[in-house]
Amino acid sequence: MLYWLLYSYIFRHFNLGPFRIFRYLTFRTAFASLTAMFMALIIGPAVIRRLREFQIGQYIREEGPRSHQKKAGTPTMGGLLIVVSILLPTVLWSDLSNPFVWLAVLSTLGFAAIGFADDYLKVVHKQNLGLNGRSKLLFQTLVSFLVAIFLIMMQASGEYSTHLMVPFLKRVRPDLVVTSLMHIPHLWPIAFLPFIIFVIFVLVGSSNAVNLTDGLDGLAIGCTLIAAGALTVLTYLSGHSVFSDYLELQKMPMVGELTIFCGAMVGASIGFLWYNTHPAEVFMGDVGSLALGGAIGTIAVIIKQELLLPFIGGIFVIEALSVIIQVGSYKMRGKRVFLMAPIHHHFEQLGWSESKVIVRFWILSLIFALFALTTLKLR
């Protein structure tokens, strides 16, 4: 919106030189990040106050650590603040004629809507019971399916590729579309099935992984901040013709505009962390965690860094795996591997303070993200 007003309209119609700066992606990304951060910081107190007025408090599961019981009643659904602080600056500073921008925005809104429904039901029931697992998974799959269909349409127009980029192996780029079936009548939809399943797996897995990480004050949003920073760099490089050539990335000039979305995610994460740091004044709830996970997964799929996502969000993957291992071990052997899952609770049970767990997980998240960036050259 501001891009159209300050560059496309004022600069081009009145030839005012200083307004040329609004054409530059780096400038608009920086301002989107700052806008998101200050928006979260400024309207944060009003949002928290309103959540308290509506008595939208967090219900703590009884089987969790006892130290967490004192957090009961802390305002939740603060993820609404995150979502608004990401999407509004994105709309203000990006080129809205870019379809990938709208895909990221709508995907984030879709996952946020699922999380909102889950949080709302928890508030209505006044206990830690929202959408059941099947319903949540069904809606997540539906949103992911729509994202996959949109990308298939972009692939048909030549603006997107269904080939995978494999870390460390620059010559290996398998296609997730069975091209041999494309020319057989009535079978061509099946050709896209592997790609659709893969996109659903990435997006559903990413959204649930962030959701599982959101168990300590500032843990999930801090790790999201780091992952979003890495995605900002990767998205900019993927959309830059010179850097993408040098690093032998797939050429996708249109995805560069998503750098603004990633920058807004960084700014919104910083702003929300101000209020979510230990002891938290507000929790993001599922509306925040599912939206952030969905956004991270969507960006990774668009810029063709799906296989790098486990490194970009390393802590999210570890948290999700800890739950899978714990549940699988208990069902198969009747024994638990961890004292409590997700794994951040395991370390709490070992005697680590909440702050120590959070900061150390942030450090690990940063190490994973830096490693992910180094793989661009180590191929």
Protein backbone atom coordinates (compact mmCIF):
# COMPACT_ATOMS: atom_id res chain seq x y z
CA MET A 1 0.00 0.00 0.00
CA LEU A 2 2.72 2.49 1.01
CA TYR A 3 4.91 1.01 -1.72
CA TRP A 4 2.25 1.85 -4.31
CA LEU A 5 1.64 5.33 -2.86
CA LEU A 6 5.23 6.45 -2.26
CA TYR A 7 6.93 4.79 -5.23
CA SER A 8 4.52 3.64 -7.91
CA TYR A 9 2.40 6.79 -7.68
CA ILE A 10 4.35 9.74 -6.21
CA PHE A 11 7.80 8.92 -7.65
CA ARG A 12 6.62 7.90 -11.10
CA HIS A 13 3.99 10.64 -11.52
CA PHE A 14 5.85 13.56 -9.95
CA ASN A 15 9.43 12.37 -10.49
CA LEU A 16 10.47 13.21 -6.93
CA GLY A 17 13.97 11.75 -6.58
CA PRO A 18 14.04 11.06 -2.82
CA PHE A 19 11.04 8.75 -3.14
CA ARG A 20 13.14 6.43 -5.30
CA ILE A 21 14.39 4.82 -2.10
CA PHE A 22 11.02 3.12 -1.60
CA ARG A 23 11.69 0.86 -4.55
CA TYR A 24 14.55 -0.87 -2.76
CA LEU A 25 13.71 -4.17 -1.11
CA THR A 26 16.24 -3.82 1.71
CA PHE A 27 14.85 -0.41 2.71
CA ARG A 28 11.25 -1.61 2.75
CA THR A 29 12.22 -4.78 4.67
CA ALA A 30 13.93 -2.70 7.35
CA PHE A 31 10.93 -0.40 7.67
CA ALA A 32 8.50 -3.33 7.73
CA SER A 33 10.51 -4.86 10.56
CA LEU A 34 10.57 -1.60 12.51
CA THR A 35 6.88 -1.00 11.87
CA ALA A 36 6.03 -4.49 13.12
CA MET A 37 8.20 -4.12 16.21
CA PHE A 38 6.84 -0.72 17.25
CA MET A 39 3.30 -1.79 16.47
CA ALA A 40 3.64 -4.77 18.83
CA LEU A 41 5.31 -2.63 21.50
CA ILE A 42 2.77 0.19 21.32
CA ILE A 43 -0.49 -1.72 21.12
CA GLY A 44 0.74 -4.60 23.27
CA PRO A 45 -0.42 -3.11 26.62
CA ALA A 46 -3.89 -2.36 25.21
CA VAL A 47 -4.21 -5.92 23.86
CA ILE A 48 -3.11 -7.45 27.18
CA ARG A 49 -5.50 -5.21 29.09
CA ARG A 50 -8.40 -6.16 26.81
CA LEU A 51 -7.61 -9.87 27.14
CA ARG A 52 -7.71 -9.48 30.92
CA GLU A 53 -11.05 -7.67 30.70
CA PHE A 54 -12.50 -10.54 28.69
CA GLN A 55 -10.96 -12.96 31.23
CA ILE A 56 -9.11 -14.81 28.48
CA GLY A 57 -6.62 -16.57 30.74
CA GLN A 58 -4.38 -19.57 30.20
CA TYR A 59 -5.40 -22.89 31.71
CA ILE A 60 -2.38 -24.93 32.83
CA ARG A 61 -2.46 -28.70 32.41
CA GLU A 62 -2.44 -30.47 35.76
CA GLU A 63 0.16 -33.06 34.68
CA GLY A 64 2.68 -30.33 33.85
CA PRO A 65 5.43 -29.00 36.12
CA ARG A 66 4.02 -27.71 39.41
CA SER A 67 5.95 -24.46 39.06
CA HIS A 68 3.75 -23.60 36.09
CA GLN A 69 0.52 -23.59 38.10
CA LYS A 70 1.22 -20.03 39.22
CA LYS A 71 0.92 -18.98 35.56
CA ALA A 72 -2.77 -19.90 35.49
CA GLY A 73 -4.86 -16.92 34.50
CA THR A 74 -2.11 -15.18 32.51
CA PRO A 75 -3.76 -13.66 29.41
CA THR A 76 -3.50 -15.90 26.36
CA MET A 77 -4.38 -15.44 22.68
CA GLY A 78 -1.63 -12.82 22.51
CA GLY A 79 -0.84 -14.35 19.15
CA LEU A 80 -3.44 -11.99 17.74
CA LEU A 81 -0.94 -9.22 18.44
CA ILE A 82 1.75 -11.15 16.56
CA VAL A 83 -0.44 -11.86 13.54
CA VAL A 84 -1.58 -8.25 13.20
CA SER A 85 1.99 -6.99 13.65
CA ILE A 86 3.18 -9.27 10.84
CA LEU A 87 0.41 -8.88 8.30
CA LEU A 88 -0.29 -5.14 8.50
CA PRO A 89 3.34 -4.04 7.89
CA THR A 90 3.56 -6.63 5.11
CA VAL A 91 0.52 -5.11 3.40
CA LEU A 92 1.88 -1.59 3.96
CA TRP A 93 5.41 -2.09 2.63
CA SER A 94 5.25 -4.88 0.04
CA ASP A 95 4.23 -4.92 -3.60
CA LEU A 96 0.68 -6.27 -3.37
CA SER A 97 0.69 -7.31 -7.02
CA ASN A 98 3.03 -10.15 -6.03
CA PRO A 99 1.01 -13.39 -5.62
CA PHE A 100 3.53 -14.96 -3.24
CA VAL A 101 2.94 -12.16 -0.75
CA TRP A 102 -0.76 -12.95 -0.70
CA LEU A 103 -0.05 -16.66 -0.37
CA ALA A 104 2.05 -16.04 2.76
CA VAL A 105 -0.56 -13.67 4.20
CA LEU A 106 -3.52 -15.98 3.58
CA SER A 107 -1.68 -19.07 4.78
CA THR A 108 -0.78 -17.30 8.03
CA LEU A 109 -4.38 -16.18 8.46
CA GLY A 110 -5.62 -19.72 7.81
CA PHE A 111 -3.42 -21.27 10.50
CA ALA A 112 -4.19 -18.37 12.85
CA ALA A 113 -7.92 -19.03 12.42
CA ILE A 114 -7.42 -22.66 13.46
CA GLY A 115 -5.46 -21.57 16.51
CA PHE A 116 -8.07 -18.94 17.38
CA ALA A 117 -10.83 -21.56 17.31
CA ASP A 118 -8.75 -23.83 19.55
CA ASP A 119 -8.01 -21.04 22.06
CA TYR A 120 -11.60 -19.82 22.04
CA LEU A 121 -12.93 -23.28 22.90
CA LYS A 122 -10.43 -23.52 25.76
CA VAL A 123 -11.73 -20.23 27.15
CA VAL A 124 -15.36 -21.32 26.77
CA HIS A 125 -14.73 -24.70 28.42
CA LYS A 126 -12.51 -23.06 31.06
CA GLN A 127 -10.01 -25.90 30.80
CA ASN A 128 -7.10 -26.94 28.60
CA LEU A 129 -9.39 -28.57 26.01
CA GLY A 130 -9.86 -26.95 22.62
CA LEU A 131 -10.26 -28.54 19.21
CA ASN A 132 -9.73 -32.28 19.30
CA GLY A 133 -6.65 -33.63 17.58
CA ARG A 134 -8.48 -34.91 14.51
CA SER A 135 -10.32 -31.65 13.87
CA LYS A 136 -7.18 -29.58 14.25
CA LEU A 137 -5.23 -31.88 11.93
CA LEU A 138 -8.04 -31.83 9.37
CA PHE A 139 -8.16 -28.03 9.21
CA GLN A 140 -4.37 -27.78 9.05
CA THR A 141 -4.34 -30.26 6.20
CA LEU A 142 -7.01 -28.28 4.36
CA VAL A 143 -5.06 -25.01 4.58
CA SER A 144 -1.86 -26.80 3.51
CA PHE A 145 -3.70 -28.42 0.59
CA LEU A 146 -4.85 -25.00 -0.63
CA VAL A 147 -1.29 -23.69 -0.40
CA ALA A 148 -0.10 -26.65 -2.51
CA ILE A 149 -2.78 -26.03 -5.13
CA PHE A 150 -1.79 -22.36 -5.34
CA LEU A 151 1.87 -23.33 -5.85
CA ILE A 152 0.89 -25.79 -8.59
CA MET A 153 -0.88 -22.94 -10.36
CA MET A 154 2.25 -20.80 -10.02
CA GLN A 155 4.31 -23.71 -11.38
CA ALA A 156 2.09 -23.84 -14.44
CA SER A 157 2.80 -20.15 -15.05
CA GLY A 158 6.55 -20.72 -14.76
CA GLU A 159 6.98 -18.68 -11.55
CA TYR A 160 7.58 -21.66 -9.27
CA SER A 161 9.41 -24.99 -9.41
CA THR A 162 8.42 -28.28 -7.81
CA HIS A 163 12.04 -29.46 -7.76
CA LEU A 164 13.65 -29.98 -4.37
CA MET A 165 16.93 -28.37 -3.40
CA VAL A 166 19.03 -30.87 -1.45
CA PRO A 167 21.52 -29.42 1.09
CA PHE A 168 25.18 -30.20 0.30
CA LEU A 169 24.22 -31.71 -3.10
CA LYS A 170 23.80 -28.87 -5.58
CA ARG A 171 23.39 -31.18 -8.60
CA VAL A 172 20.64 -33.27 -7.01
CA ARG A 173 17.23 -31.67 -7.60
CA PRO A 174 14.49 -34.30 -7.68
CA ASP A 175 11.09 -33.30 -9.03
CA LEU A 176 8.11 -33.98 -6.78
CA VAL A 177 5.81 -34.12 -9.80
CA VAL A 178 5.60 -37.39 -11.74
CA THR A 179 6.04 -35.88 -15.20
CA SER A 180 5.42 -39.19 -16.98
CA LEU A 181 1.78 -39.05 -15.86
CA MET A 182 1.23 -35.49 -17.04
CA HIS A 183 0.40 -36.59 -20.57
CA ILE A 184 -1.95 -39.44 -19.67
CA PRO A 185 -5.63 -38.44 -19.71
CA HIS A 186 -7.40 -38.61 -16.33
CA LEU A 187 -4.10 -39.35 -14.55
CA TRP A 188 -2.44 -35.95 -14.59
CA PRO A 189 -3.89 -34.92 -11.18
CA ILE A 190 -2.14 -37.94 -9.65
CA ALA A 191 1.15 -36.58 -10.99
CA PHE A 192 0.97 -33.75 -8.45
CA LEU A 193 0.07 -36.01 -5.51
CA PRO A 194 3.66 -36.44 -4.18
CA PHE A 195 4.13 -32.65 -4.19
CA ILE A 196 0.81 -32.05 -2.44
CA ILE A 197 1.56 -34.64 0.25
CA PHE A 198 5.02 -33.15 0.79
CA VAL A 199 3.67 -29.61 1.20
CA ILE A 200 1.03 -30.81 3.65
CA PHE A 201 3.68 -32.67 5.66
CA VAL A 202 5.95 -29.61 5.84
CA LEU A 203 3.24 -27.11 6.79
CA VAL A 204 1.37 -29.30 9.27
CA GLY A 205 4.62 -30.46 10.83
CA SER A 206 5.99 -26.93 11.09
CA SER A 207 2.84 -25.47 12.67
CA ASN A 208 2.57 -28.28 15.23
CA ALA A 209 6.29 -28.16 16.05
CA VAL A 210 6.09 -24.48 17.00
CA ASN A 211 2.92 -25.22 18.94
CA LEU A 212 4.71 -27.91 20.99
CA THR A 213 7.64 -25.56 21.66
CA ASP A 214 5.34 -22.95 23.16
CA GLY A 215 5.56 -24.19 26.75
CA LEU A 216 7.93 -21.76 28.48
CA ASP A 217 7.94 -17.97 28.66
CA GLY A 218 9.58 -16.59 25.53
CA LEU A 219 10.88 -19.95 24.28
CA ALA A 220 8.81 -20.30 21.11
CA ILE A 221 8.88 -16.62 20.14
CA GLY A 222 12.64 -16.39 20.73
CA CYS A 223 13.29 -19.41 18.51
CA THR A 224 10.86 -17.97 15.94
CA LEU A 225 12.79 -14.71 15.95
CA ILE A 226 15.99 -16.56 15.08
CA ALA A 227 14.33 -18.76 12.44
CA ALA A 228 12.64 -15.73 10.86
CA GLY A 229 15.98 -13.94 10.71
CA ALA A 230 17.51 -16.88 8.85
CA LEU A 231 14.53 -17.02 6.49
CA THR A 232 14.89 -13.28 5.80
CA VAL A 233 18.44 -13.86 4.57
CA LEU A 234 17.51 -16.95 2.56
CA THR A 235 14.51 -15.26 0.96
CA TYR A 236 16.54 -12.21 -0.05
CA LEU A 237 19.27 -14.38 -1.58
CA SER A 238 16.73 -16.53 -3.44
CA GLY A 239 15.10 -13.47 -5.00
CA HIS A 240 18.37 -11.72 -5.92
CA SER A 241 19.59 -12.63 -9.40
CA VAL A 242 23.31 -12.12 -8.64
CA PHE A 243 23.38 -13.97 -5.31
CA SER A 244 21.15 -16.80 -6.52
CA ASP A 245 23.48 -17.31 -9.50
CA TYR A 246 26.56 -17.26 -7.29
CA LEU A 247 25.08 -19.71 -4.77
CA GLU A 248 23.46 -21.79 -7.53
CA LEU A 249 19.98 -21.40 -6.08
CA GLN A 250 16.84 -21.72 -8.15
CA LYS A 251 16.08 -18.42 -9.85
CA MET A 252 12.82 -17.08 -8.43
CA PRO A 253 12.88 -13.28 -8.70
CA MET A 254 9.28 -12.91 -7.51
CA VAL A 255 9.95 -14.49 -4.10
CA GLY A 256 12.24 -11.60 -3.16
CA GLU A 257 9.22 -9.59 -2.10
CA LEU A 258 8.65 -12.13 0.69
CA THR A 259 11.73 -10.71 2.41
CA ILE A 260 9.40 -7.99 3.67
CA PHE A 261 7.08 -10.59 5.19
CA CYS A 262 10.04 -12.29 6.91
CA GLY A 263 11.34 -8.94 8.15
CA ALA A 264 7.92 -8.17 9.60
CA MET A 265 7.99 -11.54 11.35
CA VAL A 266 11.33 -10.62 12.93
CA GLY A 267 10.02 -7.25 14.12
CA ALA A 268 6.76 -8.69 15.45
CA SER A 269 8.70 -11.39 17.33
CA ILE A 270 10.91 -8.79 19.00
CA GLY A 271 7.90 -6.71 20.00
CA PHE A 272 5.98 -9.67 21.40
CA LEU A 273 9.04 -11.01 23.23
CA TRP A 274 9.07 -7.77 25.25
CA TYR A 275 5.83 -8.88 26.92
CA ASN A 276 6.34 -12.65 26.69
CA THR A 277 9.76 -12.82 28.35
CA HIS A 278 9.92 -14.55 31.76
CA PRO A 279 7.77 -13.92 33.75
CA ALA A 280 5.34 -13.57 30.85
CA GLU A 281 2.62 -10.90 30.86
CA VAL A 282 0.85 -12.65 27.99
CA PHE A 283 1.00 -15.99 26.16
CA MET A 284 0.71 -16.32 22.39
CA GLY A 285 -1.70 -19.28 22.55
CA ASP A 286 -2.41 -21.54 19.60
CA VAL A 287 -3.49 -18.57 17.51
CA GLY A 288 0.12 -17.41 17.61
CA SER A 289 2.05 -20.67 17.56
CA LEU A 290 0.06 -22.27 14.72
CA ALA A 291 0.21 -19.06 12.68
CA LEU A 292 3.97 -18.68 13.14
CA GLY A 293 4.62 -22.34 12.36
CA GLY A 294 2.42 -22.16 9.29
CA ALA A 295 4.16 -18.97 8.14
CA ILE A 296 7.63 -20.47 8.57
CA GLY A 297 6.63 -23.62 6.68
CA THR A 298 4.99 -21.64 3.89
CA ILE A 299 8.05 -19.45 3.35
CA ALA A 300 10.35 -22.50 3.33
CA VAL A 301 8.20 -24.21 0.69
CA ILE A 302 8.01 -21.11 -1.50
CA ILE A 303 11.76 -20.40 -1.49
CA LYS A 304 12.57 -24.11 -1.99
CA GLN A 305 14.37 -24.58 1.34
CA GLU A 306 12.06 -27.27 2.73
CA LEU A 307 14.91 -29.70 3.43
CA LEU A 308 16.83 -26.93 5.18
CA LEU A 309 13.89 -26.21 7.48
CA PRO A 310 14.94 -28.83 10.09
CA PHE A 311 18.13 -26.80 10.60
CA ILE A 312 16.47 -23.37 10.41
CA GLY A 313 14.03 -24.44 13.11
CA GLY A 314 16.21 -27.02 14.82
CA ILE A 315 14.69 -26.57 18.28
CA PHE A 316 11.18 -26.95 16.88
CA VAL A 317 12.18 -30.28 15.32
CA ILE A 318 13.79 -31.51 18.56
CA GLU A 319 10.69 -30.58 20.55
CA ALA A 320 8.39 -32.40 18.14
CA LEU A 321 10.62 -35.47 18.00
CA SER A 322 10.74 -35.64 21.80
CA VAL A 323 6.94 -35.90 21.90
CA ILE A 324 6.86 -38.52 19.13
CA ILE A 325 9.54 -40.60 20.87
CA GLN A 326 7.86 -40.28 24.25
CA VAL A 327 4.42 -41.29 22.99
CA GLY A 328 5.79 -44.08 20.78
CA SER A 329 7.93 -45.52 23.56
CA TYR A 330 5.08 -45.49 26.05
CA LYS A 331 2.65 -47.16 23.67
CA MET A 332 5.12 -49.80 22.49
CA ARG A 333 7.09 -50.52 25.68
CA GLY A 334 5.04 -48.96 28.43
CA LYS A 335 8.10 -46.87 29.39
CA ARG A 336 8.96 -43.20 29.02
CA VAL A 337 12.24 -41.99 27.53
CA PHE A 338 12.05 -38.49 29.02
CA LEU A 339 10.93 -37.41 32.46
CA MET A 340 8.35 -35.26 30.69
CA ALA A 341 7.68 -34.20 27.11
CA PRO A 342 8.12 -31.90 25.25
CA ILE A 343 11.81 -31.98 26.06
CA HIS A 344 11.98 -28.52 27.65
CA HIS A 345 9.92 -29.94 30.53
CA HIS A 346 12.42 -32.81 30.81
CA PHE A 347 15.18 -30.34 31.64
CA GLU A 348 12.92 -28.56 34.12
CA GLN A 349 12.38 -31.89 35.86
CA LEU A 350 16.16 -32.32 36.01
CA GLY A 351 16.33 -29.14 38.06
CA TRP A 352 17.14 -26.51 35.44
CA SER A 353 15.46 -23.18 36.06
CA GLU A 354 12.98 -22.00 33.44
CA SER A 355 15.22 -19.10 32.41
CA LYS A 356 18.21 -21.40 31.95
CA VAL A 357 16.23 -23.76 29.70
CA ILE A 358 14.95 -20.85 27.61
CA VAL A 359 18.30 -19.13 27.07
CA ARG A 360 20.14 -22.36 26.32
CA PHE A 361 17.49 -23.37 23.79
CA TRP A 362 17.82 -19.92 22.19
CA ILE A 363 21.57 -20.49 21.89
CA LEU A 364 21.03 -23.87 20.26
CA SER A 365 18.46 -22.34 17.91
CA LEU A 366 21.00 -19.71 16.84
CA ILE A 367 23.63 -22.38 16.21
CA PHE A 368 21.18 -24.35 14.05
CA ALA A 369 20.21 -21.23 12.07
CA LEU A 370 23.84 -20.24 11.44
CA PHE A 371 24.60 -23.77 10.29
CA ALA A 372 21.64 -23.60 7.91
CA LEU A 373 23.06 -20.45 6.32
CA THR A 374 26.52 -21.99 5.91
CA THR A 375 25.06 -24.89 3.92
CA LEU A 376 24.37 -22.48 1.05
CA LYS A 377 28.07 -22.48 0.24
CA LEU A 378 28.96 -25.97 1.52
CA ARG A 379 27.44 -27.78 -1.45
